[in-house]
Amino acid sequence: MKELILIIGGLYGGLAVVFGAFGAHALKRSFNDDQLKSFETAVKYQMYHALIIIISGITFPFLESLQVIMAWCFIMGVFLFSFSIYALTWSSSRGRKLKFLGPVTPLGGLLLVIGWILFTINAASIAPFLNP
């Protein structure tokens, strides 16, 4: 499980760099300012959460269900949040906004918040072992 989490964290981080560069250069011509800001927000959140996924993969053994649930909340939250924004901004710039993705973004955000709550709970549960 740890290996999968680290691989997904690395993949999300690498994709955030690629998407960030793509947004900074190629999309400036086809996106308006609001679309570009939304796209940049998705990239930032993807990178932040790629880092916490990697940190979690290094820190936790993933032997307890709350640790596994935390990881999947982060992984699915990034996918639903950031990738729905990518699709929404891209389709909107083409004049065919995929409106059915509108509710997906807040669901992804909720999963990210749950992931952070579970991260805090998991970190508190191992804290006594870190400072004997």
Protein backbone atom coordinates (compact mmCIF):
# COMPACT_ATOMS: atom_id res chain seq x y z
CA MET A 1 0.00 0.00 0.00
CA LYS A 2 2.81 2.42 0.90
CA GLU A 3 4.43 1.96 -2.49
CA LEU A 4 1.17 2.69 -4.32
CA ILE A 5 0.62 5.84 -2.25
CA LEU A 6 4.14 7.07 -2.96
CA ILE A 7 3.75 6.35 -6.68
CA ILE A 8 0.42 8.19 -6.87
CA GLY A 9 1.87 11.12 -4.89
CA GLY A 10 4.81 11.31 -7.28
CA LEU A 11 2.54 11.03 -10.31
CA TYR A 12 0.25 13.80 -9.03
CA GLY A 13 3.28 16.00 -8.28
CA GLY A 14 4.79 15.47 -11.71
CA LEU A 15 1.48 16.11 -13.43
CA ALA A 16 1.04 19.31 -11.41
CA VAL A 17 4.35 20.59 -12.79
CA VAL A 18 3.34 19.65 -16.35
CA PHE A 19 -0.14 21.18 -16.01
CA GLY A 20 1.30 24.29 -14.35
CA ALA A 21 3.73 24.83 -17.22
CA PHE A 22 1.00 24.11 -19.75
CA GLY A 23 -1.29 26.64 -18.05
CA ALA A 24 1.42 29.28 -17.82
CA HIS A 25 2.30 29.04 -21.49
CA ALA A 26 -0.11 27.26 -23.84
CA LEU A 27 -3.41 28.13 -22.16
CA LYS A 28 -2.80 31.88 -21.84
CA ARG A 29 -3.95 32.28 -25.42
CA SER A 30 -7.19 30.34 -25.11
CA PHE A 31 -8.27 30.92 -21.48
CA ASN A 32 -9.68 34.14 -20.06
CA ASP A 33 -8.36 35.45 -16.72
CA ASP A 34 -11.01 33.68 -14.61
CA GLN A 35 -10.42 30.36 -16.35
CA LEU A 36 -6.67 30.74 -15.91
CA LYS A 37 -7.08 31.52 -12.19
CA SER A 38 -9.30 28.46 -11.74
CA PHE A 39 -6.81 26.28 -13.61
CA GLU A 40 -3.95 27.62 -11.46
CA THR A 41 -5.96 26.89 -8.30
CA ALA A 42 -6.42 23.29 -9.42
CA VAL A 43 -2.67 22.98 -10.08
CA LYS A 44 -1.79 24.42 -6.65
CA TYR A 45 -4.19 22.14 -4.81
CA GLN A 46 -2.91 19.16 -6.78
CA MET A 47 0.69 19.93 -5.85
CA TYR A 48 -0.08 20.61 -2.18
CA HIS A 49 -1.88 17.31 -1.93
CA ALA A 50 0.74 15.40 -3.91
CA LEU A 51 3.15 16.48 -1.18
CA ILE A 52 0.90 15.40 1.69
CA ILE A 53 0.28 12.07 -0.05
CA ILE A 54 4.05 11.54 -0.26
CA ILE A 55 4.56 12.67 3.35
CA SER A 56 1.80 10.30 4.45
CA GLY A 57 3.37 7.46 2.46
CA ILE A 58 6.66 8.01 4.27
CA THR A 59 5.17 8.62 7.73
CA PHE A 60 2.45 6.02 8.17
CA PRO A 61 2.66 2.22 7.93
CA PHE A 62 -0.89 1.91 6.53
CA LEU A 63 -1.71 -0.98 8.81
CA GLU A 64 -4.77 0.75 10.25
CA SER A 65 -7.95 1.43 8.31
CA LEU A 66 -7.98 5.17 9.18
CA GLN A 67 -4.60 5.55 7.50
CA VAL A 68 -5.81 3.79 4.36
CA ILE A 69 -9.04 5.83 4.30
CA MET A 70 -7.00 9.03 4.72
CA ALA A 71 -4.83 8.17 1.72
CA TRP A 72 -7.81 7.37 -0.47
CA CYS A 73 -9.55 10.59 0.58
CA PHE A 74 -6.51 12.55 -0.56
CA ILE A 75 -6.12 10.55 -3.78
CA MET A 76 -9.77 10.69 -4.80
CA GLY A 77 -10.14 14.25 -3.52
CA VAL A 78 -7.34 15.47 -5.79
CA PHE A 79 -8.78 13.59 -8.74
CA LEU A 80 -12.31 14.91 -8.25
CA PHE A 81 -11.31 18.45 -7.26
CA SER A 82 -8.41 19.32 -9.55
CA PHE A 83 -9.31 17.22 -12.56
CA SER A 84 -12.91 18.45 -12.57
CA ILE A 85 -11.60 22.03 -12.60
CA TYR A 86 -9.26 21.18 -15.46
CA ALA A 87 -12.17 19.74 -17.43
CA LEU A 88 -14.52 22.60 -16.54
CA THR A 89 -12.06 25.31 -17.55
CA TRP A 90 -11.02 23.50 -20.73
CA SER A 91 -14.60 22.84 -21.84
CA SER A 92 -15.66 26.38 -20.92
CA SER A 93 -12.85 27.83 -23.03
CA ARG A 94 -14.22 25.81 -25.94
CA GLY A 95 -17.75 27.15 -25.40
CA ARG A 96 -19.11 23.78 -24.22
CA LYS A 97 -18.93 23.87 -20.43
CA LEU A 98 -19.44 20.41 -18.90
CA LYS A 99 -21.92 21.57 -16.28
CA PHE A 100 -22.42 18.09 -14.84
CA LEU A 101 -18.90 18.41 -13.37
CA GLY A 102 -19.95 21.41 -11.24
CA PRO A 103 -21.00 19.30 -8.23
CA VAL A 104 -17.93 17.07 -8.54
CA THR A 105 -15.50 19.82 -7.52
CA PRO A 106 -16.97 20.43 -4.03
CA LEU A 107 -17.19 16.66 -3.46
CA GLY A 108 -13.46 16.48 -4.17
CA GLY A 109 -12.88 19.39 -1.80
CA LEU A 110 -14.86 17.62 0.91
CA LEU A 111 -12.72 14.51 0.49
CA LEU A 112 -9.60 16.66 0.83
CA VAL A 113 -10.91 18.17 4.07
CA ILE A 114 -11.74 14.68 5.40
CA GLY A 115 -8.23 13.59 4.40
CA TRP A 116 -6.73 16.43 6.44
CA ILE A 117 -8.89 15.58 9.46
CA LEU A 118 -7.81 11.95 9.23
CA PHE A 119 -4.18 13.01 8.75
CA THR A 120 -4.41 14.99 12.00
CA ILE A 121 -5.99 12.05 13.85
CA ASN A 122 -3.40 9.62 12.47
CA ALA A 123 -0.52 11.97 13.26
CA ALA A 124 -1.78 12.46 16.82
CA SER A 125 -2.00 8.71 17.28
CA ILE A 126 1.68 8.17 16.36
CA ALA A 127 3.04 11.35 18.01
CA PRO A 128 3.79 9.67 21.36
CA PHE A 129 5.98 7.14 19.53
CA LEU A 130 7.98 9.88 17.82
CA ASN A 131 9.17 11.46 21.08
CA PRO A 132 9.80 8.68 23.62
